[in-house]
């Protein structure tokens, strides 16, 4: 799903057969303006999405952007102004706010975690733990906050996790099947494999043919030991139970990436509003 498709589906969900409140109370030719106000400090995200929503609802809108994605914001700041048909402004209002509030909340939390990594080699990764049909915006928000986008979906990377290993019979069997599959289908996808203990890491080292080793639910000292064992042969990623309380400890192990589902599934939206003026 691309951004245009998302906006069309979201508007169809919200508007249905018409915004009957606006249709019944606002003259069809009324021309008004509104401004998007910040009510809570954080990192701004979703301006690009808001512009696309306004353009989809009414190409005649005049939108003046004052603050851009990634900006630090505080209460009282004006992000943008929009002028045009009053009914259409009201139609766009809730979708713009829903997207920008959640995206800004994600970007704010992401930036806080990224700041904790300063001075280490580790980079923060997002995950597929996203809101169905809103992933495109949530992935944009984590990137604005300073994280690196992991795979977008099931189709752009092979990630062999614990259930795949258990169903395949072993790590070696899963990797071998994945490599054969890529050859037979002519696809060029990176292969990442999840490991749960030292024995599985050693199995990956023996089998090879992967790009990334995911170290899942290891304590920081375990990550440090596995990073030394892997010794640069593969990219390393840590995951599982990592949050702001222990992120720095994981980053200092020398791991390349740290993934966190909490970037997108445990977020408080930032308070924004669209007000007539």
Protein backbone atom coordinates (compact mmCIF):
# COMPACT_ATOMS: atom_id res chain seq x y z
CA UNK A 1 0.00 0.00 0.00
CA UNK A 2 1.36 3.41 -0.92
CA UNK A 3 0.49 6.71 0.77
CA UNK A 4 -2.12 7.66 -1.83
CA UNK A 5 -3.94 4.35 -1.40
CA UNK A 6 -3.83 4.68 2.39
CA UNK A 7 -5.36 8.16 2.27
CA UNK A 8 -8.14 7.07 -0.08
CA UNK A 9 -9.06 4.13 2.17
CA UNK A 10 -8.91 6.27 5.32
CA UNK A 11 -11.16 8.93 3.81
CA UNK A 12 -13.62 6.31 2.61
CA UNK A 13 -13.75 4.87 6.13
CA UNK A 14 -14.36 8.29 7.70
CA UNK A 15 -16.57 10.09 5.17
CA UNK A 16 -18.77 7.25 3.92
CA UNK A 17 -21.61 8.77 1.91
CA UNK A 18 -20.91 12.27 3.15
CA UNK A 19 -19.87 14.53 6.04
CA UNK A 20 -23.47 15.29 6.90
CA UNK A 21 -22.66 17.61 9.80
CA UNK A 22 -20.71 19.95 7.53
CA UNK A 23 -23.12 19.50 4.64
CA UNK A 24 -26.03 20.54 6.85
CA UNK A 25 -24.40 23.46 8.72
CA UNK A 26 -21.83 25.07 6.43
CA UNK A 27 -22.69 26.89 3.16
CA UNK A 28 -21.28 25.12 0.13
CA UNK A 29 -19.31 28.16 -1.01
CA UNK A 30 -17.91 29.19 2.40
CA UNK A 31 -14.19 29.92 2.31
CA UNK A 32 -12.31 29.65 5.62
CA UNK A 33 -8.88 29.01 7.07
CA UNK A 34 -7.41 27.02 9.94
CA UNK A 35 -4.07 26.50 11.60
CA UNK A 36 -2.53 23.41 13.08
CA UNK A 37 -1.47 24.13 16.66
CA UNK A 38 0.98 22.30 18.92
CA UNK A 39 -0.26 21.62 22.46
CA UNK A 40 2.52 19.34 23.72
CA UNK A 41 6.33 19.31 23.27
CA UNK A 42 7.98 16.69 21.10
CA UNK A 43 9.23 15.87 17.63
CA UNK A 44 7.00 16.75 14.71
CA UNK A 45 6.06 14.07 12.19
CA UNK A 46 3.39 13.73 9.54
CA UNK A 47 3.59 17.09 7.81
CA UNK A 48 4.23 15.40 4.47
CA UNK A 49 1.25 13.12 5.10
CA UNK A 50 -0.95 16.07 6.03
CA UNK A 51 -0.06 17.84 2.79
CA UNK A 52 -1.00 14.71 0.84
CA UNK A 53 -4.32 14.45 2.70
CA UNK A 54 -5.21 18.07 2.02
CA UNK A 55 -4.32 17.62 -1.65
CA UNK A 56 -6.48 14.49 -1.88
CA UNK A 57 -9.48 16.15 -0.22
CA UNK A 58 -9.28 19.40 -2.18
CA UNK A 59 -6.50 20.24 -4.66
CA UNK A 60 -7.53 23.90 -4.39
CA UNK A 61 -6.44 24.16 -0.76
CA UNK A 62 -3.64 26.62 -0.03
CA UNK A 63 -1.35 25.06 2.58
CA UNK A 64 1.46 27.09 4.13
CA UNK A 65 3.91 24.86 6.01
CA UNK A 66 5.76 26.65 8.81
CA UNK A 67 7.43 23.68 10.54
CA UNK A 68 8.69 20.52 8.89
CA UNK A 69 9.01 16.85 9.81
CA UNK A 70 11.71 16.27 12.42
CA UNK A 71 11.42 19.71 14.01
CA UNK A 72 11.41 20.07 17.80
CA UNK A 73 8.06 21.57 18.75
CA UNK A 74 6.54 23.20 21.84
CA UNK A 75 3.05 24.31 22.90
CA UNK A 76 1.87 27.31 20.94
CA UNK A 77 3.84 26.54 17.78
CA UNK A 78 1.92 26.73 14.50
CA UNK A 79 2.82 23.86 12.17
CA UNK A 80 0.85 24.94 9.12
CA UNK A 81 -2.12 26.91 7.92
CA UNK A 82 -4.72 25.79 5.40
CA UNK A 83 -7.26 27.91 3.58
CA UNK A 84 -10.04 27.01 1.18
CA UNK A 85 -13.50 25.48 1.15
CA UNK A 86 -14.73 25.28 4.75
CA UNK A 87 -16.57 21.98 4.31
CA UNK A 88 -13.48 20.36 2.88
CA UNK A 89 -11.25 21.65 5.68
CA UNK A 90 -13.58 19.96 8.16
CA UNK A 91 -13.56 16.75 6.12
CA UNK A 92 -9.76 16.62 6.19
CA UNK A 93 -9.38 17.70 9.83
CA UNK A 94 -9.69 14.41 11.72
CA UNK A 95 -7.59 12.33 9.33
CA UNK A 96 -4.81 14.94 9.39
CA UNK A 97 -4.84 15.03 13.18
CA UNK A 98 -5.08 11.27 13.66
CA UNK A 99 -2.05 10.73 11.45
CA UNK A 100 0.06 13.60 12.75
CA UNK A 101 -0.68 13.01 16.43
CA UNK A 102 0.27 9.34 16.31
CA UNK A 103 3.24 9.91 14.01
CA UNK A 104 4.57 12.71 16.21
CA UNK A 105 4.19 10.50 19.29
CA UNK A 106 6.20 7.77 17.57
CA UNK A 107 8.87 10.19 16.35
CA UNK A 108 9.17 11.74 19.82
CA UNK A 109 9.70 8.40 21.57
CA UNK A 110 12.04 7.21 18.82
CA UNK A 111 14.21 10.33 19.16
CA UNK A 112 14.43 9.81 22.92
CA UNK A 113 15.74 6.28 22.39
CA UNK A 114 18.09 7.26 19.56
CA UNK A 115 19.63 9.88 21.86
CA UNK A 116 20.43 7.11 24.35
CA UNK A 117 22.59 5.41 21.68
CA UNK A 118 24.85 8.42 21.19
CA UNK A 119 28.52 7.46 21.23
CA UNK A 120 27.91 3.79 20.41
CA UNK A 121 27.90 2.00 17.06
CA UNK A 122 24.38 0.67 17.55
CA UNK A 123 21.50 1.87 15.40
CA UNK A 124 17.84 1.58 16.34
CA UNK A 125 15.50 -0.53 14.17
CA UNK A 126 11.72 -0.53 14.00
CA UNK A 127 9.69 -3.73 13.48
CA UNK A 128 6.49 -5.06 11.87
CA UNK A 129 4.63 -4.56 15.15
CA UNK A 130 2.53 -1.81 13.60
CA UNK A 131 -1.12 -0.84 13.27
CA UNK A 132 -2.72 -2.72 10.34
CA UNK A 133 -2.98 -0.51 7.25
CA UNK A 134 -1.11 2.32 9.02
CA UNK A 135 2.38 0.86 8.72
CA UNK A 136 3.46 3.28 5.99
CA UNK A 137 2.93 6.25 8.33
CA UNK A 138 4.41 4.56 11.39
CA UNK A 139 7.53 3.57 9.47
CA UNK A 140 7.85 7.16 8.23
CA UNK A 141 7.58 8.37 11.82
CA UNK A 142 10.31 6.10 13.19
CA UNK A 143 12.62 7.25 10.42
CA UNK A 144 11.85 10.90 11.16
CA UNK A 145 12.70 10.15 14.78
CA UNK A 146 16.12 8.83 13.77
CA UNK A 147 15.62 5.07 13.63
CA UNK A 148 16.41 2.82 10.67
CA UNK A 149 13.54 1.07 8.91
CA UNK A 150 13.75 -2.71 9.15
CA UNK A 151 11.88 -4.78 6.57
CA UNK A 152 8.56 -3.23 5.59
CA UNK A 153 6.73 -6.54 5.21
CA UNK A 154 7.09 -10.24 4.67
CA UNK A 155 8.11 -9.74 1.06
CA UNK A 156 11.32 -7.67 1.20
CA UNK A 157 13.57 -9.86 3.37
CA UNK A 158 13.89 -13.42 4.62
CA UNK A 159 13.77 -13.38 8.41
CA UNK A 160 13.99 -16.90 9.82
CA UNK A 161 12.53 -16.74 13.34
CA UNK A 162 12.06 -19.34 16.06
CA UNK A 163 8.85 -20.79 14.63
CA UNK A 164 10.41 -21.12 11.18
CA UNK A 165 13.36 -22.96 12.72
CA UNK A 166 11.11 -25.25 14.73
CA UNK A 167 8.90 -26.03 11.72
CA UNK A 168 11.88 -26.55 9.40
CA UNK A 169 13.59 -28.85 11.90
CA UNK A 170 16.77 -26.90 12.55
CA UNK A 171 18.58 -23.68 11.76
CA UNK A 172 20.67 -25.45 9.14
CA UNK A 173 17.57 -26.87 7.43
CA UNK A 174 15.84 -23.48 7.44
CA UNK A 175 18.87 -21.64 6.01
CA UNK A 176 19.47 -24.30 3.37
CA UNK A 177 15.84 -24.17 2.25
CA UNK A 178 15.88 -20.38 2.15
CA UNK A 179 19.05 -20.26 0.03
CA UNK A 180 17.60 -22.88 -2.36
CA UNK A 181 14.34 -20.93 -2.59
CA UNK A 182 16.15 -17.72 -3.55
CA UNK A 183 18.13 -19.52 -6.25
CA UNK A 184 15.05 -21.22 -7.67
CA UNK A 185 12.95 -18.05 -7.72
CA UNK A 186 15.71 -15.70 -8.85
CA UNK A 187 15.14 -13.36 -5.92
CA UNK A 188 17.84 -11.34 -4.22
CA UNK A 189 16.80 -10.92 -0.60
CA UNK A 190 18.89 -10.58 2.53
CA UNK A 191 18.66 -13.47 4.97
CA UNK A 192 18.45 -12.92 8.71
CA UNK A 193 18.17 -15.74 11.25
CA UNK A 194 17.04 -15.54 14.85
CA UNK A 195 19.09 -17.30 17.51
CA UNK A 196 18.11 -18.03 21.10
CA UNK A 197 21.31 -19.38 22.64
CA UNK A 198 25.03 -19.90 22.02
CA UNK A 199 24.51 -23.29 20.37
CA UNK A 200 22.27 -21.75 17.73
CA UNK A 201 24.77 -18.96 17.08
CA UNK A 202 27.48 -21.56 16.63
CA UNK A 203 25.23 -23.42 14.19
CA UNK A 204 24.77 -20.25 12.14
CA UNK A 205 28.52 -19.69 12.12
CA UNK A 206 29.03 -23.23 10.85
CA UNK A 207 26.34 -23.07 8.16
CA UNK A 208 26.90 -19.46 7.04
CA UNK A 209 25.01 -18.14 3.98
CA UNK A 210 23.17 -15.46 5.96
CA UNK A 211 23.58 -11.70 6.29
CA UNK A 212 22.32 -10.92 9.78
CA UNK A 213 22.22 -12.81 13.08
CA UNK A 214 19.36 -11.80 15.36
CA UNK A 215 20.21 -12.34 19.02
CA UNK A 216 16.86 -12.67 20.76
CA UNK A 217 16.28 -12.35 24.50
CA UNK A 218 19.95 -12.41 25.46
CA UNK A 219 21.06 -10.36 28.46
CA UNK A 220 23.55 -7.59 27.62
CA UNK A 221 26.51 -9.70 28.77
CA UNK A 222 25.27 -12.50 26.52
CA UNK A 223 25.05 -10.13 23.57
CA UNK A 224 28.61 -8.95 24.22
CA UNK A 225 29.84 -12.56 24.25
CA UNK A 226 27.99 -13.42 21.02
CA UNK A 227 29.28 -10.29 19.27
CA UNK A 228 32.80 -11.39 20.11
CA UNK A 229 32.04 -14.93 18.91
CA UNK A 230 30.58 -13.73 15.58
CA UNK A 231 33.57 -11.39 15.22
CA UNK A 232 32.24 -9.37 12.31
CA UNK A 233 31.32 -12.35 10.10
CA UNK A 234 27.69 -11.22 10.08
CA UNK A 235 25.75 -8.11 10.99
CA UNK A 236 24.34 -8.46 14.50
CA UNK A 237 20.96 -7.39 15.87
CA UNK A 238 19.66 -7.55 19.44
CA UNK A 239 15.97 -7.79 20.34
CA UNK A 240 13.63 -8.85 23.10
CA UNK A 241 12.74 -6.96 26.26
CA UNK A 242 14.74 -3.88 25.34
CA UNK A 243 13.39 -0.47 26.36
CA UNK A 244 14.67 2.89 27.59
CA UNK A 245 15.75 1.37 30.91
CA UNK A 246 18.32 -1.02 29.42
CA UNK A 247 18.86 0.23 25.88
CA UNK A 248 22.20 1.86 26.65
CA UNK A 249 23.52 -1.34 28.22
CA UNK A 250 22.67 -3.26 25.04
CA UNK A 251 24.18 -0.56 22.83
CA UNK A 252 27.47 -0.74 24.70
CA UNK A 253 27.88 -4.45 23.84
CA UNK A 254 29.10 -3.59 20.33
CA UNK A 255 26.00 -4.93 18.57
CA UNK A 256 25.22 -3.32 15.19
CA UNK A 257 21.45 -2.91 15.53
CA UNK A 258 18.82 -2.99 18.27
CA UNK A 259 15.19 -3.57 17.29
CA UNK A 260 12.24 -2.39 19.35
CA UNK A 261 8.56 -3.07 18.73
CA UNK A 262 7.78 -0.50 21.42
CA UNK A 263 8.56 2.25 18.90
CA UNK A 264 5.18 1.67 17.31
CA UNK A 265 2.96 -0.39 19.57
CA UNK A 266 3.25 1.38 22.94
CA UNK A 267 2.99 5.02 21.97
CA UNK A 268 1.05 7.96 23.36
CA UNK A 269 -0.07 10.33 20.62
CA UNK A 270 1.15 13.93 20.76
CA UNK A 271 -1.53 16.57 21.36
CA UNK A 272 -2.18 18.69 18.26
CA UNK A 273 -5.27 20.54 17.08
CA UNK A 274 -6.63 22.19 13.94
CA UNK A 275 -8.41 25.44 14.79
CA UNK A 276 -10.27 28.00 12.71
CA UNK A 277 -8.93 31.54 12.89
